[in-house]
Amino acid sequence: MKQALTRRIVLSIGFVAVACLAAPPAFAGQDCECVGNGKRVKEGSVVCLQIGSSQRYLARCERNLNNTSWKKITDGCPVSQMSPWTTANSALNQG
C-alpha cells in the first residue's frame, strides 16, 4: 500500500514536470501598445497624458516585466506659442 502511494506521487510529479516544460513561455508580443487619452500608441511613443480635468504630464509607453505601462518623464506638457512677429511677417508676405 505504502509503495503504491509513493509510486503515484513520483508519477504525478513527473507528469507535472513534463507539462511545465512542454508549455510555451508567455512572452509579450513584438507590437506592444499602451492606451492613453482614449488612443492606442506604440511602445516607445511619448505623449502628453491628461489625467482628470487638471493634471497633465509627459509620459513614455514602456514595457515593465511583461506588461506595458506609462513612465512619467516630466510634470506638465510642452506648449508651443506663436510669436507676434511671426504672425505679422506672414500677413505681410501674403499681402
PDB file of N, CA and C in Angstrom:
ATOM      1  N   MET A   1       0.830  -1.193   0.000  1.00  0.00           N
ATOM      2  CA  MET A   1       0.000   0.000   0.000  1.00  0.00           C
ATOM      3  C   MET A   1       0.869   1.249   0.000  1.00  0.00           C
ATOM      4  N   LYS A   2       1.859   1.279   0.897  1.00  0.00           N
ATOM      5  CA  LYS A   2       2.735   2.431   1.002  1.00  0.00           C
ATOM      6  C   LYS A   2       3.557   2.606  -0.271  1.00  0.00           C
ATOM      7  N   GLN A   3       3.942   1.481  -0.858  1.00  0.00           N
ATOM      8  CA  GLN A   3       4.746   1.519  -2.085  1.00  0.00           C
ATOM      9  C   GLN A   3       3.908   2.044  -3.256  1.00  0.00           C
ATOM     10  N   ALA A   4       2.641   1.711  -3.316  1.00  0.00           N
ATOM     11  CA  ALA A   4       1.755   2.171  -4.386  1.00  0.00           C
ATOM     12  C   ALA A   4       1.530   3.683  -4.276  1.00  0.00           C
ATOM     13  N   LEU A   5       1.389   4.183  -3.058  1.00  0.00           N
ATOM     14  CA  LEU A   5       1.196   5.612  -2.841  1.00  0.00           C
ATOM     15  C   LEU A   5       2.447   6.391  -3.256  1.00  0.00           C
ATOM     16  N   THR A   6       3.612   5.904  -2.901  1.00  0.00           N
ATOM     17  CA  THR A   6       4.870   6.546  -3.289  1.00  0.00           C
ATOM     18  C   THR A   6       5.018   6.553  -4.805  1.00  0.00           C
ATOM     19  N   ARG A   7       4.651   5.478  -5.432  1.00  0.00           N
ATOM     20  CA  ARG A   7       4.747   5.388  -6.897  1.00  0.00           C
ATOM     21  C   ARG A   7       3.819   6.408  -7.560  1.00  0.00           C
ATOM     22  N   ARG A   8       2.603   6.587  -7.044  1.00  0.00           N
ATOM     23  CA  ARG A   8       1.664   7.568  -7.597  1.00  0.00           C
ATOM     24  C   ARG A   8       2.206   8.987  -7.435  1.00  0.00           C
ATOM     25  N   ILE A   9       2.795   9.282  -6.296  1.00  0.00           N
ATOM     26  CA  ILE A   9       3.351  10.618  -6.060  1.00  0.00           C
ATOM     27  C   ILE A   9       4.479  10.902  -7.034  1.00  0.00           C
ATOM     28  N   VAL A  10       5.374   9.931  -7.213  1.00  0.00           N
ATOM     29  CA  VAL A  10       6.503  10.109  -8.136  1.00  0.00           C
ATOM     30  C   VAL A  10       5.993  10.300  -9.561  1.00  0.00           C
ATOM     31  N   LEU A  11       5.019   9.515  -9.973  1.00  0.00           N
ATOM     32  CA  LEU A  11       4.457   9.660 -11.322  1.00  0.00           C
ATOM     33  C   LEU A  11       3.760  11.012 -11.487  1.00  0.00           C
ATOM     34  N   SER A  12       3.040  11.456 -10.471  1.00  0.00           N
ATOM     35  CA  SER A  12       2.365  12.760 -10.540  1.00  0.00           C
ATOM     36  C   SER A  12       3.371  13.894 -10.687  1.00  0.00           C
ATOM     37  N   ILE A  13       4.426  13.852  -9.909  1.00  0.00           N
ATOM     38  CA  ILE A  13       5.466  14.876 -10.006  1.00  0.00           C
ATOM     39  C   ILE A  13       6.093  14.855 -11.395  1.00  0.00           C
ATOM     40  N   GLY A  14       6.312  13.685 -11.939  1.00  0.00           N
ATOM     41  CA  GLY A  14       6.881  13.560 -13.291  1.00  0.00           C
ATOM     42  C   GLY A  14       5.971  14.159 -14.345  1.00  0.00           C
ATOM     43  N   PHE A  15       4.677  13.876 -14.265  1.00  0.00           N
ATOM     44  CA  PHE A  15       3.727  14.435 -15.227  1.00  0.00           C
ATOM     45  C   PHE A  15       3.659  15.956 -15.141  1.00  0.00           C
ATOM     46  N   VAL A  16       3.653  16.487 -13.928  1.00  0.00           N
ATOM     47  CA  VAL A  16       3.615  17.940 -13.748  1.00  0.00           C
ATOM     48  C   VAL A  16       4.877  18.572 -14.323  1.00  0.00           C
ATOM     49  N   ALA A  17       6.032  17.954 -14.089  1.00  0.00           N
ATOM     50  CA  ALA A  17       7.288  18.492 -14.614  1.00  0.00           C
ATOM     51  C   ALA A  17       7.289  18.506 -16.136  1.00  0.00           C
ATOM     52  N   VAL A  18       6.820  17.430 -16.757  1.00  0.00           N
ATOM     53  CA  VAL A  18       6.765  17.360 -18.224  1.00  0.00           C
ATOM     54  C   VAL A  18       5.796  18.398 -18.768  1.00  0.00           C
ATOM     55  N   ALA A  19       4.647  18.579 -18.126  1.00  0.00           N
ATOM     56  CA  ALA A  19       3.661  19.564 -18.580  1.00  0.00           C
ATOM     57  C   ALA A  19       4.226  20.975 -18.499  1.00  0.00           C
ATOM     58  N   CYS A  20       4.947  21.272 -17.424  1.00  0.00           N
ATOM     59  CA  CYS A  20       5.527  22.618 -17.277  1.00  0.00           C
ATOM     60  C   CYS A  20       6.610  22.882 -18.312  1.00  0.00           C
ATOM     61  N   LEU A  21       7.411  21.883 -18.610  1.00  0.00           N
ATOM     62  CA  LEU A  21       8.482  22.060 -19.594  1.00  0.00           C
ATOM     63  C   LEU A  21       7.945  22.134 -21.021  1.00  0.00           C
ATOM     64  N   ALA A  22       6.821  21.471 -21.277  1.00  0.00           N
ATOM     65  CA  ALA A  22       6.263  21.458 -22.628  1.00  0.00           C
ATOM     66  C   ALA A  22       5.456  22.716 -22.944  1.00  0.00           C
ATOM     67  N   ALA A  23       4.987  23.424 -21.926  1.00  0.00           N
ATOM     68  CA  ALA A  23       4.167  24.619 -22.150  1.00  0.00           C
ATOM     69  C   ALA A  23       5.039  25.751 -22.699  1.00  0.00           C
ATOM     70  N   PRO A  24       4.557  26.467 -23.722  1.00  0.00           N
ATOM     71  CA  PRO A  24       5.342  27.583 -24.262  1.00  0.00           C
ATOM     72  C   PRO A  24       5.387  28.739 -23.277  1.00  0.00           C
ATOM     73  N   PRO A  25       6.509  29.436 -23.214  1.00  0.00           N
ATOM     74  CA  PRO A  25       6.590  30.576 -22.296  1.00  0.00           C
ATOM     75  C   PRO A  25       5.686  31.707 -22.759  1.00  0.00           C
ATOM     76  N   ALA A  26       5.194  32.492 -21.830  1.00  0.00           N
ATOM     77  CA  ALA A  26       4.298  33.608 -22.152  1.00  0.00           C
ATOM     78  C   ALA A  26       5.114  34.890 -22.254  1.00  0.00           C
ATOM     79  N   PHE A  27       5.492  35.247 -23.470  1.00  0.00           N
ATOM     80  CA  PHE A  27       6.240  36.472 -23.710  1.00  0.00           C
ATOM     81  C   PHE A  27       5.329  37.513 -24.319  1.00  0.00           C
ATOM     82  N   ALA A  28       5.616  38.778 -24.051  1.00  0.00           N
ATOM     83  CA  ALA A  28       4.864  39.858 -24.684  1.00  0.00           C
ATOM     84  C   ALA A  28       5.201  39.873 -26.173  1.00  0.00           C
ATOM     85  N   GLY A  29       4.239  40.224 -26.990  1.00  0.00           N
ATOM     86  CA  GLY A  29       4.457  40.268 -28.425  1.00  0.00           C
ATOM     87  C   GLY A  29       5.341  41.430 -28.851  1.00  0.00           C
ATOM     88  N   GLN A  30       5.686  41.435 -30.108  1.00  0.00           N
ATOM     89  CA  GLN A  30       6.529  42.492 -30.660  1.00  0.00           C
ATOM     90  C   GLN A  30       5.797  43.821 -30.733  1.00  0.00           C
ATOM     91  N   ASP A  31       4.503  43.788 -31.006  1.00  0.00           N
ATOM     92  CA  ASP A  31       3.728  45.008 -31.223  1.00  0.00           C
ATOM     93  C   ASP A  31       2.988  45.422 -29.957  1.00  0.00           C
ATOM     94  N   CYS A  32       3.739  45.799 -28.922  1.00  0.00           N
ATOM     95  CA  CYS A  32       3.110  46.209 -27.665  1.00  0.00           C
ATOM     96  C   CYS A  32       2.611  47.641 -27.788  1.00  0.00           C
ATOM     97  N   GLU A  33       1.483  47.921 -27.142  1.00  0.00           N
ATOM     98  CA  GLU A  33       0.872  49.245 -27.176  1.00  0.00           C
ATOM     99  C   GLU A  33       0.409  49.637 -25.791  1.00  0.00           C
ATOM    100  N   CYS A  34       0.318  50.940 -25.569  1.00  0.00           N
ATOM    101  CA  CYS A  34      -0.277  51.497 -24.347  1.00  0.00           C
ATOM    102  C   CYS A  34      -1.555  52.222 -24.760  1.00  0.00           C
ATOM    103  N   VAL A  35      -2.463  52.373 -23.828  1.00  0.00           N
ATOM    104  CA  VAL A  35      -3.677  53.131 -24.077  1.00  0.00           C
ATOM    105  C   VAL A  35      -3.629  54.384 -23.209  1.00  0.00           C
ATOM    106  N   GLY A  36      -3.750  55.545 -23.842  1.00  0.00           N
ATOM    107  CA  GLY A  36      -3.751  56.806 -23.117  1.00  0.00           C
ATOM    108  C   GLY A  36      -4.601  57.829 -23.840  1.00  0.00           C
ATOM    109  N   ASN A  37      -5.365  58.585 -23.111  1.00  0.00           N
ATOM    110  CA  ASN A  37      -6.261  59.587 -23.686  1.00  0.00           C
ATOM    111  C   ASN A  37      -7.220  58.975 -24.698  1.00  0.00           C
ATOM    112  N   GLY A  38      -7.590  57.712 -24.485  1.00  0.00           N
ATOM    113  CA  GLY A  38      -8.538  57.035 -25.365  1.00  0.00           C
ATOM    114  C   GLY A  38      -7.948  56.547 -26.676  1.00  0.00           C
ATOM    115  N   LYS A  39      -6.622  56.565 -26.815  1.00  0.00           N
ATOM    116  CA  LYS A  39      -5.971  56.127 -28.059  1.00  0.00           C
ATOM    117  C   LYS A  39      -4.889  55.106 -27.746  1.00  0.00           C
ATOM    118  N   ARG A  40      -4.619  54.237 -28.713  1.00  0.00           N
ATOM    119  CA  ARG A  40      -3.533  53.261 -28.592  1.00  0.00           C
ATOM    120  C   ARG A  40      -2.276  53.847 -29.226  1.00  0.00           C
ATOM    121  N   VAL A  41      -1.148  53.719 -28.514  1.00  0.00           N
ATOM    122  CA  VAL A  41       0.125  54.203 -29.046  1.00  0.00           C
ATOM    123  C   VAL A  41       1.163  53.099 -28.916  1.00  0.00           C
ATOM    124  N   LYS A  42       2.125  53.076 -29.832  1.00  0.00           N
ATOM    125  CA  LYS A  42       3.167  52.052 -29.868  1.00  0.00           C
ATOM    126  C   LYS A  42       4.141  52.236 -28.715  1.00  0.00           C
ATOM    127  N   GLU A  43       4.778  51.139 -28.335  1.00  0.00           N
ATOM    128  CA  GLU A  43       5.805  51.185 -27.296  1.00  0.00           C
ATOM    129  C   GLU A  43       6.929  52.126 -27.733  1.00  0.00           C
ATOM    130  N   GLY A  44       7.376  52.988 -26.831  1.00  0.00           N
ATOM    131  CA  GLY A  44       8.417  53.960 -27.127  1.00  0.00           C
ATOM    132  C   GLY A  44       7.881  55.343 -27.459  1.00  0.00           C
ATOM    133  N   SER A  45       6.582  55.450 -27.712  1.00  0.00           N
ATOM    134  CA  SER A  45       5.980  56.745 -28.040  1.00  0.00           C
ATOM    135  C   SER A  45       5.890  57.626 -26.799  1.00  0.00           C
ATOM    136  N   VAL A  46       6.020  58.936 -27.008  1.00  0.00           N
ATOM    137  CA  VAL A  46       5.900  59.911 -25.926  1.00  0.00           C
ATOM    138  C   VAL A  46       4.653  60.742 -26.182  1.00  0.00           C
ATOM    139  N   VAL A  47       3.789  60.850 -25.163  1.00  0.00           N
ATOM    140  CA  VAL A  47       2.542  61.609 -25.291  1.00  0.00           C
ATOM    141  C   VAL A  47       2.311  62.440 -24.036  1.00  0.00           C
ATOM    142  N   CYS A  48       1.441  63.420 -24.172  1.00  0.00           N
ATOM    143  CA  CYS A  48       1.001  64.223 -23.036  1.00  0.00           C
ATOM    144  C   CYS A  48      -0.270  63.569 -22.517  1.00  0.00           C
ATOM    145  N   LEU A  49      -0.198  62.974 -21.326  1.00  0.00           N
ATOM    146  CA  LEU A  49      -1.362  62.314 -20.740  1.00  0.00           C
ATOM    147  C   LEU A  49      -2.195  63.304 -19.945  1.00  0.00           C
ATOM    148  N   GLN A  50      -3.479  63.265 -20.170  1.00  0.00           N
ATOM    149  CA  GLN A  50      -4.432  64.112 -19.441  1.00  0.00           C
ATOM    150  C   GLN A  50      -5.107  63.226 -18.404  1.00  0.00           C
ATOM    151  N   ILE A  51      -4.876  63.529 -17.125  1.00  0.00           N
ATOM    152  CA  ILE A  51      -5.479  62.773 -16.032  1.00  0.00           C
ATOM    153  C   ILE A  51      -6.506  63.675 -15.365  1.00  0.00           C
ATOM    154  N   GLY A  52      -7.756  63.332 -15.487  1.00  0.00           N
ATOM    155  CA  GLY A  52      -8.816  64.174 -14.934  1.00  0.00           C
ATOM    156  C   GLY A  52      -8.915  65.476 -15.717  1.00  0.00           C
ATOM    157  N   SER A  53      -9.355  66.537 -15.043  1.00  0.00           N
ATOM    158  CA  SER A  53      -9.533  67.813 -15.739  1.00  0.00           C
ATOM    159  C   SER A  53      -8.363  68.760 -15.550  1.00  0.00           C
ATOM    160  N   SER A  54      -7.448  68.441 -14.606  1.00  0.00           N
ATOM    161  CA  SER A  54      -6.390  69.409 -14.334  1.00  0.00           C
ATOM    162  C   SER A  54      -4.970  68.872 -14.441  1.00  0.00           C
ATOM    163  N   GLN A  55      -4.764  67.589 -14.257  1.00  0.00           N
ATOM    164  CA  GLN A  55      -3.401  67.053 -14.241  1.00  0.00           C
ATOM    165  C   GLN A  55      -2.958  66.588 -15.626  1.00  0.00           C
ATOM    166  N   ARG A  56      -1.809  67.089 -16.054  1.00  0.00           N
ATOM    167  CA  ARG A  56      -1.213  66.688 -17.344  1.00  0.00           C
ATOM    168  C   ARG A  56       0.269  66.447 -17.138  1.00  0.00           C
ATOM    169  N   TYR A  57       0.789  65.416 -17.789  1.00  0.00           N
ATOM    170  CA  TYR A  57       2.231  65.186 -17.744  1.00  0.00           C
ATOM    171  C   TYR A  57       2.694  64.431 -18.984  1.00  0.00           C
ATOM    172  N   LEU A  58       3.979  64.584 -19.279  1.00  0.00           N
ATOM    173  CA  LEU A  58       4.600  63.936 -20.421  1.00  0.00           C
ATOM    174  C   LEU A  58       5.024  62.536 -20.000  1.00  0.00           C
ATOM    175  N   ALA A  59       4.652  61.501 -20.777  1.00  0.00           N
ATOM    176  CA  ALA A  59       4.952  60.118 -20.414  1.00  0.00           C
ATOM    177  C   ALA A  59       5.346  59.315 -21.648  1.00  0.00           C
ATOM    178  N   ARG A  60       6.137  58.261 -21.416  1.00  0.00           N
ATOM    179  CA  ARG A  60       6.589  57.361 -22.485  1.00  0.00           C
ATOM    180  C   ARG A  60       5.983  55.983 -22.250  1.00  0.00           C
ATOM    181  N   CYS A  61       5.537  55.343 -23.319  1.00  0.00           N
ATOM    182  CA  CYS A  61       4.999  53.985 -23.252  1.00  0.00           C
ATOM    183  C   CYS A  61       6.184  53.025 -23.189  1.00  0.00           C
ATOM    184  N   GLU A  62       6.292  52.264 -22.087  1.00  0.00           N
ATOM    185  CA  GLU A  62       7.400  51.334 -21.905  1.00  0.00           C
ATOM    186  C   GLU A  62       6.886  49.978 -21.444  1.00  0.00           C
ATOM    187  N   ARG A  63       7.751  48.989 -21.577  1.00  0.00           N
ATOM    188  CA  ARG A  63       7.413  47.649 -21.113  1.00  0.00           C
ATOM    189  C   ARG A  63       8.043  47.432 -19.744  1.00  0.00           C
ATOM    190  N   ASN A  64       7.223  47.003 -18.792  1.00  0.00           N
ATOM    191  CA  ASN A  64       7.677  46.711 -17.446  1.00  0.00           C
ATOM    192  C   ASN A  64       7.370  45.246 -17.182  1.00  0.00           C
ATOM    193  N   LEU A  65       8.404  44.434 -17.035  1.00  0.00           N
ATOM    194  CA  LEU A  65       8.283  42.982 -16.958  1.00  0.00           C
ATOM    195  C   LEU A  65       7.606  42.497 -18.235  1.00  0.00           C
ATOM    196  N   ASN A  66       6.373  42.077 -18.179  1.00  0.00           N
ATOM    197  CA  ASN A  66       5.702  41.556 -19.364  1.00  0.00           C
ATOM    198  C   ASN A  66       4.485  42.396 -19.750  1.00  0.00           C
ATOM    199  N   ASN A  67       4.399  43.617 -19.212  1.00  0.00           N
ATOM    200  CA  ASN A  67       3.244  44.485 -19.458  1.00  0.00           C
ATOM    201  C   ASN A  67       3.711  45.867 -19.886  1.00  0.00           C
ATOM    202  N   THR A  68       2.873  46.545 -20.640  1.00  0.00           N
ATOM    203  CA  THR A  68       3.190  47.921 -20.991  1.00  0.00           C
ATOM    204  C   THR A  68       2.658  48.845 -19.912  1.00  0.00           C
ATOM    205  N   SER A  69       3.359  49.955 -19.717  1.00  0.00           N
ATOM    206  CA  SER A  69       2.919  50.935 -18.725  1.00  0.00           C
ATOM    207  C   SER A  69       3.471  52.296 -19.118  1.00  0.00           C
ATOM    208  N   TRP A  70       2.939  53.339 -18.483  1.00  0.00           N
ATOM    209  CA  TRP A  70       3.390  54.699 -18.741  1.00  0.00           C
ATOM    210  C   TRP A  70       4.475  55.069 -17.749  1.00  0.00           C
ATOM    211  N   LYS A  71       5.586  55.614 -18.244  1.00  0.00           N
ATOM    212  CA  LYS A  71       6.645  56.127 -17.375  1.00  0.00           C
ATOM    213  C   LYS A  71       6.627  57.646 -17.471  1.00  0.00           C
ATOM    214  N   LYS A  72       6.420  58.295 -16.341  1.00  0.00           N
ATOM    215  CA  LYS A  72       6.342  59.755 -16.297  1.00  0.00           C
ATOM    216  C   LYS A  72       7.723  60.341 -16.595  1.00  0.00           C
ATOM    217  N   ILE A  73       7.764  61.291 -17.536  1.00  0.00           N
ATOM    218  CA  ILE A  73       9.017  61.948 -17.907  1.00  0.00           C
ATOM    219  C   ILE A  73       9.127  63.289 -17.184  1.00  0.00           C
ATOM    220  N   THR A  74       8.111  64.130 -17.316  1.00  0.00           N
ATOM    221  CA  THR A  74       8.100  65.433 -16.632  1.00  0.00           C
ATOM    222  C   THR A  74       6.675  65.820 -16.273  1.00  0.00           C
ATOM    223  N   ASP A  75       6.563  66.704 -15.287  1.00  0.00           N
ATOM    224  CA  ASP A  75       5.261  67.288 -14.972  1.00  0.00           C
ATOM    225  C   ASP A  75       4.919  68.294 -16.057  1.00  0.00           C
ATOM    226  N   GLY A  76       3.655  68.412 -16.349  1.00  0.00           N
ATOM    227  CA  GLY A  76       3.230  69.364 -17.378  1.00  0.00           C
ATOM    228  C   GLY A  76       3.584  68.862 -18.771  1.00  0.00           C
ATOM    229  N   CYS A  77       3.130  69.595 -19.750  1.00  0.00           N
ATOM    230  CA  CYS A  77       3.382  69.255 -21.151  1.00  0.00           C
ATOM    231  C   CYS A  77       3.918  70.483 -21.873  1.00  0.00           C
ATOM    232  N   PRO A  78       4.783  70.270 -22.871  1.00  0.00           N
ATOM    233  CA  PRO A  78       5.300  71.414 -23.616  1.00  0.00           C
ATOM    234  C   PRO A  78       4.176  72.116 -24.375  1.00  0.00           C
ATOM    235  N   VAL A  79       4.263  73.433 -24.434  1.00  0.00           N
ATOM    236  CA  VAL A  79       3.259  74.236 -25.131  1.00  0.00           C
ATOM    237  C   VAL A  79       3.986  75.105 -26.137  1.00  0.00           C
ATOM    238  N   SER A  80       3.510  75.116 -27.354  1.00  0.00           N
ATOM    239  CA  SER A  80       4.112  75.998 -28.354  1.00  0.00           C
ATOM    240  C   SER A  80       3.228  77.233 -28.513  1.00  0.00           C
ATOM    241  N   GLN A  81       3.875  78.361 -28.713  1.00  0.00           N
ATOM    242  CA  GLN A  81       3.145  79.607 -28.897  1.00  0.00           C
ATOM    243  C   GLN A  81       3.720  80.320 -30.108  1.00  0.00           C
ATOM    244  N   MET A  82       2.860  81.002 -30.828  1.00  0.00           N
ATOM    245  CA  MET A  82       3.320  81.779 -31.984  1.00  0.00           C
ATOM    246  C   MET A  82       3.781  83.146 -31.516  1.00  0.00           C
ATOM    247  N   SER A  83       4.869  83.562 -32.074  1.00  0.00           N
ATOM    248  CA  SER A  83       5.377  84.895 -31.789  1.00  0.00           C
ATOM    249  C   SER A  83       4.539  85.921 -32.541  1.00  0.00           C
ATOM    250  N   PRO A  84       4.303  87.095 -31.949  1.00  0.00           N
ATOM    251  CA  PRO A  84       3.553  88.122 -32.678  1.00  0.00           C
ATOM    252  C   PRO A  84       4.307  88.570 -33.931  1.00  0.00           C
ATOM    253  N   TRP A  85       5.628  88.432 -33.915  1.00  0.00           N
ATOM    254  CA  TRP A  85       6.421  88.815 -35.088  1.00  0.00           C
ATOM    255  C   TRP A  85       6.180  87.849 -36.236  1.00  0.00           C
ATOM    256  N   THR A  86       6.039  86.570 -35.927  1.00  0.00           N
ATOM    257  CA  THR A  86       5.771  85.570 -36.968  1.00  0.00           C
ATOM    258  C   THR A  86       4.429  85.856 -37.629  1.00  0.00           C
ATOM    259  N   THR A  87       3.422  86.198 -36.849  1.00  0.00           N
ATOM    260  CA  THR A  87       2.091  86.485 -37.381  1.00  0.00           C
ATOM    261  C   THR A  87       2.120  87.733 -38.266  1.00  0.00           C
ATOM    262  N   ALA A  88       2.821  88.760 -37.824  1.00  0.00           N
ATOM    263  CA  ALA A  88       2.899  89.999 -38.614  1.00  0.00           C
ATOM    264  C   ALA A  88       3.661  89.765 -39.916  1.00  0.00           C
ATOM    265  N   ASN A  89       4.741  89.006 -39.857  1.00  0.00           N
ATOM    266  CA  ASN A  89       5.544  88.740 -41.057  1.00  0.00           C
ATOM    267  C   ASN A  89       4.763  87.903 -42.069  1.00  0.00           C
ATOM    268  N   SER A  90       3.998  86.920 -41.591  1.00  0.00           N
ATOM    269  CA  SER A  90       3.246  86.084 -42.518  1.00  0.00           C
ATOM    270  C   SER A  90       2.127  86.906 -43.183  1.00  0.00           C
ATOM    271  N   ALA A  91       1.544  87.872 -42.450  1.00  0.00           N
ATOM    272  CA  ALA A  91       0.497  88.723 -43.022  1.00  0.00           C
ATOM    273  C   ALA A  91       1.089  89.622 -44.106  1.00  0.00           C
ATOM    274  N   LEU A  92       2.313  90.119 -43.891  1.00  0.00           N
ATOM    275  CA  LEU A  92       2.954  90.958 -44.896  1.00  0.00           C
ATOM    276  C   LEU A  92       3.348  90.176 -46.135  1.00  0.00           C
ATOM    277  N   ASN A  93       3.793  88.932 -45.934  1.00  0.00           N
ATOM    278  CA  ASN A  93       4.207  88.092 -47.056  1.00  0.00           C
ATOM    279  C   ASN A  93       3.022  87.662 -47.919  1.00  0.00           C
ATOM    280  N   GLN A  94       1.855  87.539 -47.344  1.00  0.00           N
ATOM    281  CA  GLN A  94       0.679  87.105 -48.091  1.00  0.00           C
ATOM    282  C   GLN A  94       0.073  88.270 -48.874  1.00  0.00           C
ATOM    283  N   GLY A  95       0.276  89.471 -48.382  1.00  0.00           N
ATOM    284  CA  GLY A  95      -0.461  90.582 -48.830  1.00  0.00           C
ATOM    285  C   GLY A  95      -0.070  91.341 -49.977  1.00  0.00           C
TER     286      GLY A  95
END
